Amino acid sequence: MTAYVEECRREWKRLGVPDLLAEEMATDLEADLVEAQADGVSASEILGESDPRRFAASWAEERGLVSEPPPKKSRKLWIVLAAILALFLLFGGMAAFGLLATTSVEGSAPPVHVQPISPSQSVTVPSLVGQKACHAERIAVERGLFMRDFPRHHCDAVVVGQSPAAGQVVRPHSRLTLRLRG
């Protein structure tokens, strides 16, 4: 059973259980196993679970030494990879079928590539504070936002505020208001 206890020690260390408490738990576990063996009780009756990592994690959690079970990284990784693949296929398919449009914003600026947005999607509001007004408008239009009361004669003005705030998630074609100075 020494290998089982050593595996528990490694798991407690990985979970961040303080060394003194981990050593105390390991000593208790060894003593319980030796006592059980002397009484003719099998280790599986004492341990319940045969996996030492799971046993160590549940024991540490029951004692309040870890706040929650360790995160399952592999599941999150697969979800992220599936989402990236889905986006790649979506945008790759749109490009293949010519669904990406090219639009030019007023002035001598280069064309802005605008992707049509379905009503079910959402848009994250970009940070436009500090940008020149016309550049900020191009960024907003690129993201699929509608500019509210945009004064086209103030292209050199600087954006000092915006509503909704940067980072908010809104519906496509939502209205965006910029406060300008200059």
N, C-alpha and C. Protein backbone atom coordinates (compact mmCIF):
# COMPACT_ATOMS: atom_id res chain seq x y z
N MET A 1 0.81 -1.20 0.00
CA MET A 1 0.00 0.00 0.00
C MET A 1 0.85 1.27 0.00
N THR A 2 2.16 1.14 0.16
CA THR A 2 3.03 2.32 0.18
C THR A 2 2.90 3.11 -1.12
N ALA A 3 2.80 2.42 -2.24
CA ALA A 3 2.66 3.11 -3.53
C ALA A 3 1.36 3.91 -3.57
N TYR A 4 0.30 3.34 -3.00
CA TYR A 4 -1.00 4.02 -2.95
C TYR A 4 -0.88 5.31 -2.13
N VAL A 5 -0.24 5.23 -0.99
CA VAL A 5 -0.07 6.39 -0.11
C VAL A 5 0.82 7.43 -0.78
N GLU A 6 1.86 6.99 -1.47
CA GLU A 6 2.75 7.93 -2.17
C GLU A 6 2.00 8.67 -3.27
N GLU A 7 1.14 7.97 -3.97
CA GLU A 7 0.33 8.60 -5.02
C GLU A 7 -0.61 9.64 -4.40
N CYS A 8 -1.16 9.33 -3.24
CA CYS A 8 -2.01 10.29 -2.53
C CYS A 8 -1.20 11.53 -2.14
N ARG A 9 0.02 11.32 -1.65
CA ARG A 9 0.89 12.45 -1.28
C ARG A 9 1.12 13.37 -2.48
N ARG A 10 1.42 12.75 -3.64
CA ARG A 10 1.66 13.56 -4.86
C ARG A 10 0.40 14.37 -5.23
N GLU A 11 -0.76 13.75 -5.09
CA GLU A 11 -2.00 14.44 -5.43
C GLU A 11 -2.27 15.59 -4.46
N TRP A 12 -2.02 15.38 -3.18
CA TRP A 12 -2.22 16.45 -2.20
C TRP A 12 -1.27 17.61 -2.48
N LYS A 13 -0.05 17.29 -2.88
CA LYS A 13 0.91 18.35 -3.22
C LYS A 13 0.40 19.13 -4.44
N ARG A 14 -0.09 18.40 -5.46
CA ARG A 14 -0.61 19.04 -6.68
C ARG A 14 -1.81 19.94 -6.36
N LEU A 15 -2.63 19.53 -5.40
CA LEU A 15 -3.82 20.30 -5.02
C LEU A 15 -3.49 21.48 -4.11
N GLY A 16 -2.24 21.53 -3.61
CA GLY A 16 -1.85 22.65 -2.76
C GLY A 16 -2.13 22.44 -1.29
N VAL A 17 -2.30 21.20 -0.87
CA VAL A 17 -2.50 20.91 0.55
C VAL A 17 -1.18 21.18 1.27
N PRO A 18 -1.17 21.93 2.36
CA PRO A 18 0.07 22.22 3.09
C PRO A 18 0.80 20.92 3.46
N ASP A 19 2.13 20.99 3.40
CA ASP A 19 2.96 19.79 3.61
C ASP A 19 2.67 19.10 4.93
N LEU A 20 2.55 19.86 6.01
CA LEU A 20 2.32 19.24 7.32
C LEU A 20 0.99 18.48 7.35
N LEU A 21 -0.05 19.07 6.77
CA LEU A 21 -1.36 18.41 6.74
C LEU A 21 -1.33 17.19 5.83
N ALA A 22 -0.63 17.29 4.71
CA ALA A 22 -0.52 16.16 3.79
C ALA A 22 0.21 15.00 4.46
N GLU A 23 1.26 15.33 5.19
CA GLU A 23 2.02 14.28 5.89
C GLU A 23 1.16 13.63 6.98
N GLU A 24 0.39 14.44 7.69
CA GLU A 24 -0.50 13.91 8.73
C GLU A 24 -1.54 12.98 8.11
N MET A 25 -2.10 13.40 6.98
CA MET A 25 -3.11 12.57 6.32
C MET A 25 -2.49 11.27 5.81
N ALA A 26 -1.27 11.34 5.28
CA ALA A 26 -0.60 10.14 4.79
C ALA A 26 -0.31 9.18 5.94
N THR A 27 0.12 9.71 7.06
CA THR A 27 0.39 8.88 8.23
C THR A 27 -0.89 8.21 8.72
N ASP A 28 -1.98 8.98 8.78
CA ASP A 28 -3.27 8.42 9.18
C ASP A 28 -3.72 7.32 8.23
N LEU A 29 -3.55 7.57 6.94
CA LEU A 29 -3.95 6.59 5.93
C LEU A 29 -3.14 5.30 6.07
N GLU A 30 -1.84 5.43 6.23
CA GLU A 30 -0.99 4.25 6.41
C GLU A 30 -1.39 3.46 7.67
N ALA A 31 -1.62 4.18 8.75
CA ALA A 31 -2.02 3.52 10.00
C ALA A 31 -3.36 2.81 9.84
N ASP A 32 -4.32 3.44 9.17
CA ASP A 32 -5.63 2.82 8.94
C ASP A 32 -5.50 1.56 8.09
N LEU A 33 -4.64 1.61 7.08
CA LEU A 33 -4.46 0.45 6.20
C LEU A 33 -3.79 -0.70 6.94
N VAL A 34 -2.79 -0.39 7.76
CA VAL A 34 -2.10 -1.43 8.54
C VAL A 34 -3.07 -2.05 9.54
N GLU A 35 -3.84 -1.23 10.20
CA GLU A 35 -4.82 -1.72 11.18
C GLU A 35 -5.88 -2.58 10.51
N ALA A 36 -6.35 -2.14 9.35
CA ALA A 36 -7.36 -2.91 8.64
C ALA A 36 -6.82 -4.26 8.21
N GLN A 37 -5.59 -4.25 7.72
CA GLN A 37 -4.97 -5.50 7.29
C GLN A 37 -4.84 -6.46 8.47
N ALA A 38 -4.46 -5.95 9.63
CA ALA A 38 -4.32 -6.78 10.83
C ALA A 38 -5.66 -7.35 11.26
N ASP A 39 -6.76 -6.62 11.03
CA ASP A 39 -8.11 -7.08 11.39
C ASP A 39 -8.73 -7.95 10.30
N GLY A 40 -8.02 -8.14 9.20
CA GLY A 40 -8.53 -8.97 8.10
C GLY A 40 -9.50 -8.24 7.19
N VAL A 41 -9.52 -6.90 7.25
CA VAL A 41 -10.39 -6.10 6.39
C VAL A 41 -9.59 -5.72 5.15
N SER A 42 -10.23 -5.85 3.99
CA SER A 42 -9.51 -5.52 2.75
C SER A 42 -9.33 -4.02 2.61
N ALA A 43 -8.29 -3.64 1.87
CA ALA A 43 -8.01 -2.22 1.65
C ALA A 43 -9.14 -1.54 0.89
N SER A 44 -9.79 -2.26 -0.03
CA SER A 44 -10.88 -1.65 -0.81
C SER A 44 -12.06 -1.28 0.08
N GLU A 45 -12.28 -2.02 1.17
CA GLU A 45 -13.36 -1.65 2.09
C GLU A 45 -13.04 -0.36 2.83
N ILE A 46 -11.77 -0.13 3.09
CA ILE A 46 -11.35 1.09 3.78
C ILE A 46 -11.33 2.27 2.82
N LEU A 47 -10.76 2.05 1.63
CA LEU A 47 -10.54 3.15 0.68
C LEU A 47 -11.77 3.50 -0.12
N GLY A 48 -12.59 2.52 -0.40
CA GLY A 48 -13.77 2.81 -1.20
C GLY A 48 -13.41 2.93 -2.67
N GLU A 49 -12.58 3.88 -3.02
CA GLU A 49 -12.17 4.09 -4.39
C GLU A 49 -10.79 3.49 -4.61
N SER A 50 -10.59 2.91 -5.77
CA SER A 50 -9.29 2.30 -6.05
C SER A 50 -8.31 3.30 -6.65
N ASP A 51 -8.80 4.43 -7.15
CA ASP A 51 -7.93 5.44 -7.76
C ASP A 51 -7.37 6.35 -6.66
N PRO A 52 -6.06 6.32 -6.42
CA PRO A 52 -5.50 7.12 -5.32
C PRO A 52 -5.66 8.62 -5.52
N ARG A 53 -5.60 9.10 -6.76
CA ARG A 53 -5.75 10.55 -7.00
C ARG A 53 -7.15 11.02 -6.63
N ARG A 54 -8.15 10.25 -7.05
CA ARG A 54 -9.53 10.62 -6.74
C ARG A 54 -9.79 10.52 -5.24
N PHE A 55 -9.26 9.45 -4.63
CA PHE A 55 -9.41 9.27 -3.19
C PHE A 55 -8.78 10.44 -2.43
N ALA A 56 -7.54 10.82 -2.82
CA ALA A 56 -6.83 11.90 -2.14
C ALA A 56 -7.57 13.22 -2.31
N ALA A 57 -8.08 13.48 -3.52
CA ALA A 57 -8.80 14.74 -3.77
C ALA A 57 -10.09 14.80 -2.96
N SER A 58 -10.83 13.69 -2.89
CA SER A 58 -12.09 13.74 -2.14
C SER A 58 -11.82 13.86 -0.64
N TRP A 59 -10.77 13.22 -0.15
CA TRP A 59 -10.44 13.32 1.27
C TRP A 59 -10.02 14.74 1.62
N ALA A 60 -9.20 15.36 0.78
CA ALA A 60 -8.77 16.74 1.03
C ALA A 60 -9.97 17.69 0.95
N GLU A 61 -10.88 17.43 0.04
CA GLU A 61 -12.08 18.28 -0.09
C GLU A 61 -12.98 18.14 1.14
N GLU A 62 -13.15 16.91 1.62
CA GLU A 62 -13.98 16.68 2.81
C GLU A 62 -13.40 17.39 4.04
N ARG A 63 -12.09 17.49 4.12
CA ARG A 63 -11.45 18.17 5.25
C ARG A 63 -11.41 19.69 5.05
N GLY A 64 -11.89 20.17 3.90
CA GLY A 64 -11.90 21.60 3.64
C GLY A 64 -10.54 22.16 3.26
N LEU A 65 -9.65 21.32 2.77
CA LEU A 65 -8.31 21.78 2.43
C LEU A 65 -8.21 22.27 0.99
N VAL A 66 -9.18 21.94 0.17
CA VAL A 66 -9.29 22.46 -1.20
C VAL A 66 -10.72 22.92 -1.38
N SER A 67 -10.90 24.03 -2.07
CA SER A 67 -12.23 24.62 -2.18
C SER A 67 -13.14 23.87 -3.15
N GLU A 68 -12.58 23.32 -4.21
CA GLU A 68 -13.39 22.62 -5.18
C GLU A 68 -12.53 21.58 -5.86
N PRO A 69 -13.14 20.60 -6.53
CA PRO A 69 -12.34 19.60 -7.20
C PRO A 69 -11.48 20.24 -8.29
N PRO A 70 -10.34 19.64 -8.60
CA PRO A 70 -9.46 20.23 -9.60
C PRO A 70 -10.17 20.33 -10.96
N PRO A 71 -9.90 21.40 -11.72
CA PRO A 71 -10.58 21.58 -13.00
C PRO A 71 -10.17 20.50 -13.99
N LYS A 72 -11.10 20.13 -14.83
CA LYS A 72 -10.82 19.15 -15.86
C LYS A 72 -10.38 19.89 -17.10
N LYS A 73 -9.08 19.99 -17.26
CA LYS A 73 -8.50 20.77 -18.34
C LYS A 73 -8.79 20.17 -19.71
N SER A 74 -8.77 18.87 -19.80
CA SER A 74 -8.93 18.24 -21.10
C SER A 74 -10.31 18.54 -21.69
N ARG A 75 -11.35 18.59 -20.86
CA ARG A 75 -12.68 18.88 -21.39
C ARG A 75 -12.76 20.32 -21.90
N LYS A 76 -12.20 21.26 -21.13
CA LYS A 76 -12.20 22.65 -21.56
C LYS A 76 -11.40 22.81 -22.86
N LEU A 77 -10.28 22.11 -22.95
CA LEU A 77 -9.45 22.20 -24.15
C LEU A 77 -10.23 21.73 -25.37
N TRP A 78 -10.96 20.64 -25.25
CA TRP A 78 -11.73 20.14 -26.38
C TRP A 78 -12.85 21.10 -26.76
N ILE A 79 -13.46 21.74 -25.78
CA ILE A 79 -14.52 22.71 -26.09
C ILE A 79 -13.94 23.90 -26.85
N VAL A 80 -12.79 24.40 -26.40
CA VAL A 80 -12.15 25.53 -27.07
C VAL A 80 -11.75 25.14 -28.49
N LEU A 81 -11.16 23.97 -28.65
CA LEU A 81 -10.75 23.53 -29.98
C LEU A 81 -11.95 23.36 -30.91
N ALA A 82 -13.06 22.83 -30.40
CA ALA A 82 -14.27 22.67 -31.21
C ALA A 82 -14.82 24.03 -31.64
N ALA A 83 -14.80 25.01 -30.72
CA ALA A 83 -15.29 26.36 -31.05
C ALA A 83 -14.41 27.01 -32.13
N ILE A 84 -13.10 26.86 -32.00
CA ILE A 84 -12.19 27.43 -33.01
C ILE A 84 -12.43 26.77 -34.37
N LEU A 85 -12.58 25.46 -34.38
CA LEU A 85 -12.83 24.75 -35.62
C LEU A 85 -14.15 25.20 -36.25
N ALA A 86 -15.18 25.38 -35.43
CA ALA A 86 -16.48 25.82 -35.95
C ALA A 86 -16.37 27.21 -36.57
N LEU A 87 -15.65 28.13 -35.90
CA LEU A 87 -15.47 29.47 -36.46
C LEU A 87 -14.67 29.42 -37.76
N PHE A 88 -13.63 28.61 -37.78
CA PHE A 88 -12.82 28.47 -38.98
C PHE A 88 -13.67 27.97 -40.15
N LEU A 89 -14.48 26.95 -39.88
CA LEU A 89 -15.33 26.42 -40.94
C LEU A 89 -16.38 27.44 -41.39
N LEU A 90 -16.93 28.17 -40.43
CA LEU A 90 -17.94 29.18 -40.76
C LEU A 90 -17.35 30.27 -41.65
N PHE A 91 -16.24 30.86 -41.22
CA PHE A 91 -15.65 31.95 -41.99
C PHE A 91 -15.00 31.46 -43.27
N GLY A 92 -14.39 30.29 -43.22
CA GLY A 92 -13.81 29.71 -44.43
C GLY A 92 -14.87 29.41 -45.47
N GLY A 93 -16.00 28.89 -45.02
CA GLY A 93 -17.11 28.61 -45.93
C GLY A 93 -17.70 29.87 -46.52
N MET A 94 -17.78 30.93 -45.72
CA MET A 94 -18.32 32.20 -46.22
C MET A 94 -17.41 32.78 -47.28
N ALA A 95 -16.11 32.69 -47.07
CA ALA A 95 -15.16 33.22 -48.05
C ALA A 95 -15.23 32.40 -49.33
N ALA A 96 -15.37 31.10 -49.20
CA ALA A 96 -15.43 30.23 -50.38
C ALA A 96 -16.67 30.51 -51.23
N PHE A 97 -17.77 30.88 -50.60
CA PHE A 97 -18.99 31.16 -51.34
C PHE A 97 -19.17 32.64 -51.67
N GLY A 98 -18.15 33.46 -51.42
CA GLY A 98 -18.21 34.87 -51.77
C GLY A 98 -19.16 35.67 -50.91
N LEU A 99 -19.37 35.28 -49.68
CA LEU A 99 -20.31 35.99 -48.82
C LEU A 99 -19.65 37.13 -48.04
N LEU A 100 -18.35 37.32 -48.20
CA LEU A 100 -17.70 38.45 -47.55
C LEU A 100 -17.82 39.65 -48.48
N ALA A 101 -18.34 40.73 -47.97
CA ALA A 101 -18.56 41.93 -48.79
C ALA A 101 -17.43 42.92 -48.58
N THR A 102 -17.18 43.75 -49.59
CA THR A 102 -16.20 44.82 -49.47
C THR A 102 -16.96 46.12 -49.59
N THR A 103 -16.80 46.98 -48.59
CA THR A 103 -17.50 48.25 -48.55
C THR A 103 -16.50 49.34 -48.29
N SER A 104 -16.70 50.51 -48.89
CA SER A 104 -15.81 51.63 -48.65
C SER A 104 -16.54 52.66 -47.82
N VAL A 105 -15.90 53.14 -46.75
CA VAL A 105 -16.46 54.18 -45.91
C VAL A 105 -16.09 55.51 -46.55
N GLU A 106 -16.94 56.51 -46.40
CA GLU A 106 -16.77 57.82 -47.01
C GLU A 106 -15.36 58.36 -46.83
N GLY A 107 -14.81 58.96 -47.89
CA GLY A 107 -13.48 59.55 -47.82
C GLY A 107 -12.51 58.76 -48.67
N SER A 108 -11.23 59.00 -48.46
CA SER A 108 -10.22 58.35 -49.28
C SER A 108 -9.61 57.15 -48.57
N ALA A 109 -10.28 56.66 -47.58
CA ALA A 109 -9.75 55.51 -46.82
C ALA A 109 -9.83 54.25 -47.67
N PRO A 110 -8.97 53.28 -47.39
CA PRO A 110 -9.03 52.02 -48.13
C PRO A 110 -10.33 51.29 -47.81
N PRO A 111 -10.72 50.35 -48.66
CA PRO A 111 -11.97 49.63 -48.42
C PRO A 111 -11.94 48.87 -47.09
N VAL A 112 -13.10 48.81 -46.47
CA VAL A 112 -13.25 48.09 -45.21
C VAL A 112 -13.97 46.80 -45.52
N HIS A 113 -13.44 45.66 -45.04
CA HIS A 113 -14.08 44.37 -45.27
C HIS A 113 -15.09 44.15 -44.16
N VAL A 114 -16.35 44.03 -44.56
CA VAL A 114 -17.43 43.85 -43.60
C VAL A 114 -18.04 42.48 -43.82
N GLN A 115 -18.14 41.73 -42.75
CA GLN A 115 -18.76 40.41 -42.83
C GLN A 115 -20.22 40.54 -42.46
N PRO A 116 -21.13 40.01 -43.28
CA PRO A 116 -22.54 40.06 -42.89
C PRO A 116 -22.73 39.31 -41.57
N ILE A 117 -23.55 39.85 -40.71
CA ILE A 117 -23.75 39.27 -39.38
C ILE A 117 -25.18 38.77 -39.27
N SER A 118 -25.33 37.54 -38.84
CA SER A 118 -26.68 36.99 -38.67
C SER A 118 -27.27 37.55 -37.37
N PRO A 119 -28.60 37.66 -37.28
CA PRO A 119 -29.23 38.23 -36.08
C PRO A 119 -28.92 37.46 -34.80
N SER A 120 -28.57 36.19 -34.90
CA SER A 120 -28.34 35.42 -33.68
C SER A 120 -26.96 35.65 -33.08
N GLN A 121 -26.06 36.33 -33.81
CA GLN A 121 -24.72 36.56 -33.29
C GLN A 121 -24.70 37.77 -32.38
N SER A 122 -23.59 37.94 -31.69
CA SER A 122 -23.41 39.12 -30.84
C SER A 122 -22.12 39.81 -31.23
N VAL A 123 -22.00 41.07 -30.83
CA VAL A 123 -20.85 41.89 -31.16
C VAL A 123 -20.27 42.44 -29.87
N THR A 124 -18.96 42.37 -29.73
CA THR A 124 -18.28 42.97 -28.58
C THR A 124 -17.89 44.39 -28.98
N VAL A 125 -18.29 45.36 -28.20
CA VAL A 125 -18.03 46.77 -28.51
C VAL A 125 -16.52 47.03 -28.39
N PRO A 126 -15.89 47.58 -29.44
CA PRO A 126 -14.46 47.86 -29.38
C PRO A 126 -14.17 49.11 -28.56
N SER A 127 -12.95 49.24 -28.09
CA SER A 127 -12.52 50.44 -27.38
C SER A 127 -12.13 51.49 -28.41
N LEU A 128 -12.87 52.57 -28.45
CA LEU A 128 -12.63 53.61 -29.45
C LEU A 128 -12.09 54.90 -28.84
N VAL A 129 -12.04 54.99 -27.53
CA VAL A 129 -11.56 56.18 -26.85
C VAL A 129 -10.09 56.40 -27.22
N GLY A 130 -9.78 57.63 -27.62
CA GLY A 130 -8.42 57.98 -28.01
C GLY A 130 -8.21 57.93 -29.52
N GLN A 131 -9.15 57.35 -30.26
CA GLN A 131 -9.04 57.26 -31.71
C GLN A 131 -9.57 58.54 -32.35
N LYS A 132 -9.13 58.82 -33.56
CA LYS A 132 -9.72 59.93 -34.31
C LYS A 132 -11.10 59.48 -34.77
N ALA A 133 -12.01 60.43 -34.90
CA ALA A 133 -13.42 60.13 -35.11
C ALA A 133 -13.70 59.26 -36.34
N CYS A 134 -13.14 59.60 -37.49
CA CYS A 134 -13.43 58.83 -38.71
C CYS A 134 -12.86 57.41 -38.62
N HIS A 135 -11.68 57.29 -38.01
CA HIS A 135 -11.09 55.96 -37.83
C HIS A 135 -11.96 55.13 -36.88
N ALA A 136 -12.44 55.75 -35.82
CA ALA A 136 -13.31 55.06 -34.87
C ALA A 136 -14.60 54.61 -35.56
N GLU A 137 -15.13 55.46 -36.44
CA GLU A 137 -16.35 55.08 -37.15
C GLU A 137 -16.10 53.86 -38.03
N ARG A 138 -14.97 53.84 -38.73
CA ARG A 138 -14.65 52.68 -39.59
C ARG A 138 -14.56 51.39 -38.76
N ILE A 139 -13.91 51.48 -37.60
CA ILE A 139 -13.78 50.30 -36.74
C ILE A 139 -15.16 49.82 -36.31
N ALA A 140 -16.02 50.76 -35.90
CA ALA A 140 -17.36 50.40 -35.43
C ALA A 140 -18.18 49.76 -36.54
N VAL A 141 -18.11 50.33 -37.74
CA VAL A 141 -18.86 49.79 -38.88
C VAL A 141 -18.33 48.40 -39.24
N GLU A 142 -17.01 48.24 -39.14
CA GLU A 142 -16.38 46.95 -39.41
C GLU A 142 -16.92 45.87 -38.47
N ARG A 143 -17.15 46.23 -37.23
CA ARG A 143 -17.65 45.28 -36.23
C ARG A 143 -19.15 45.05 -36.36
N GLY A 144 -19.82 45.82 -37.24
CA GLY A 144 -21.25 45.62 -37.42
C GLY A 144 -22.10 46.49 -36.53
N LEU A 145 -21.56 47.62 -36.09
CA LEU A 145 -22.31 48.55 -35.24
C LEU A 145 -22.82 49.72 -36.07
N PHE A 146 -23.90 50.35 -35.63
CA PHE A 146 -24.49 51.50 -36.30
C PHE A 146 -24.11 52.75 -35.53
N MET A 147 -23.59 53.77 -36.23
CA MET A 147 -23.14 55.01 -35.58
C MET A 147 -24.34 55.94 -35.41
N ARG A 148 -24.52 56.43 -34.20
CA ARG A 148 -25.62 57.34 -33.89
C ARG A 148 -25.10 58.77 -33.97
N ASP A 149 -25.77 59.63 -34.77
CA ASP A 149 -25.47 61.07 -34.86
C ASP A 149 -23.98 61.33 -35.06
N PHE A 150 -23.37 60.72 -36.06
CA PHE A 150 -21.94 60.90 -36.27
C PHE A 150 -21.70 62.15 -37.11
N PRO A 151 -20.98 63.16 -36.56
CA PRO A 151 -20.71 64.40 -37.31
C PRO A 151 -19.53 64.19 -38.27
N ARG A 152 -19.79 64.01 -39.53
CA ARG A 152 -18.76 63.68 -40.52
C ARG A 152 -17.75 64.81 -40.72
N HIS A 153 -18.08 66.03 -40.34
CA HIS A 153 -17.14 67.14 -40.53
C HIS A 153 -16.11 67.23 -39.40
N HIS A 154 -16.13 66.31 -38.44
CA HIS A 154 -15.19 66.32 -37.32
C HIS A 154 -14.27 65.10 -37.34
N CYS A 155 -13.71 64.77 -38.50
CA CYS A 155 -12.87 63.57 -38.61
C CYS A 155 -11.62 63.66 -37.75
N ASP A 156 -11.09 64.86 -37.52
CA ASP A 156 -9.87 64.98 -36.72
C ASP A 156 -10.16 65.06 -35.22
N ALA A 157 -11.42 65.12 -34.84
CA ALA A 157 -11.76 65.15 -33.42
C ALA A 157 -11.38 63.81 -32.79
N VAL A 158 -11.11 63.84 -31.49
CA VAL A 158 -10.70 62.64 -30.77
C VAL A 158 -11.87 62.12 -29.94
N VAL A 159 -12.05 60.82 -29.93
CA VAL A 159 -13.11 60.19 -29.15
C VAL A 159 -12.70 60.21 -27.68
N VAL A 160 -13.55 60.82 -26.83
CA VAL A 160 -13.26 60.90 -25.39
C VAL A 160 -14.25 60.07 -24.57
N GLY A 161 -15.26 59.51 -25.23
CA GLY A 161 -16.22 58.67 -24.54
C GLY A 161 -17.07 57.93 -25.54
N GLN A 162 -17.66 56.84 -25.10
CA GLN A 162 -18.52 56.06 -25.99
C GLN A 162 -19.60 55.37 -25.18
N SER A 163 -20.71 55.13 -25.86
CA SER A 163 -21.81 54.42 -25.24
C SER A 163 -22.43 53.51 -26.29
N PRO A 164 -22.52 52.21 -26.02
CA PRO A 164 -22.13 51.46 -24.85
C PRO A 164 -20.61 51.39 -24.69
N ALA A 165 -20.18 51.06 -23.49
CA ALA A 165 -18.76 51.02 -23.15
C ALA A 165 -18.06 49.87 -23.86
N ALA A 166 -16.74 50.01 -24.00
CA ALA A 166 -15.91 48.98 -24.62
C ALA A 166 -16.03 47.68 -23.83
N GLY A 167 -16.07 46.57 -24.55
CA GLY A 167 -16.13 45.26 -23.92
C GLY A 167 -17.53 44.73 -23.71
N GLN A 168 -18.54 45.59 -23.82
CA GLN A 168 -19.91 45.12 -23.67
C GLN A 168 -20.31 44.30 -24.89
N VAL A 169 -21.14 43.32 -24.69
CA VAL A 169 -21.63 42.48 -25.78
C VAL A 169 -23.02 42.97 -26.13
N VAL A 170 -23.20 43.31 -27.42
CA VAL A 170 -24.47 43.84 -27.89
C VAL A 170 -24.92 43.07 -29.13
N ARG A 171 -26.12 43.32 -29.54
CA ARG A 171 -26.63 42.71 -30.77
C ARG A 171 -26.01 43.40 -31.98
N PRO A 172 -25.91 42.70 -33.09
CA PRO A 172 -25.41 43.32 -34.32
C PRO A 172 -26.27 44.52 -34.69
N HIS A 173 -25.65 45.49 -35.28
CA HIS A 173 -26.31 46.72 -35.75
C HIS A 173 -26.85 47.57 -34.61
N SER A 174 -26.33 47.36 -33.41
CA SER A 174 -26.70 48.21 -32.27
C SER A 174 -26.17 49.60 -32.50
N ARG A 175 -26.80 50.58 -31.89
CA ARG A 175 -26.35 51.98 -32.04
C ARG A 175 -25.20 52.25 -31.11
N LEU A 176 -24.23 53.01 -31.61
CA LEU A 176 -23.05 53.39 -30.85
C LEU A 176 -22.94 54.91 -30.90
N THR A 177 -22.81 55.55 -29.75
CA THR A 177 -22.67 57.00 -29.67
C THR A 177 -21.26 57.32 -29.21
N LEU A 178 -20.60 58.25 -29.93
CA LEU A 178 -19.25 58.68 -29.57
C LEU A 178 -19.31 60.12 -29.07
N ARG A 179 -18.55 60.41 -28.00
CA ARG A 179 -18.39 61.79 -27.53
C ARG A 179 -17.04 62.25 -28.01
N LEU A 180 -17.02 63.39 -28.70
CA LEU A 180 -15.81 63.87 -29.35
C LEU A 180 -15.31 65.15 -28.71
N ARG A 181 -13.99 65.37 -28.83
CA ARG A 181 -13.38 66.63 -28.40
C ARG A 181 -12.46 67.09 -29.53
N GLY A 182 -12.55 68.36 -29.83
CA GLY A 182 -11.63 68.93 -30.83
C GLY A 182 -12.25 69.30 -32.11
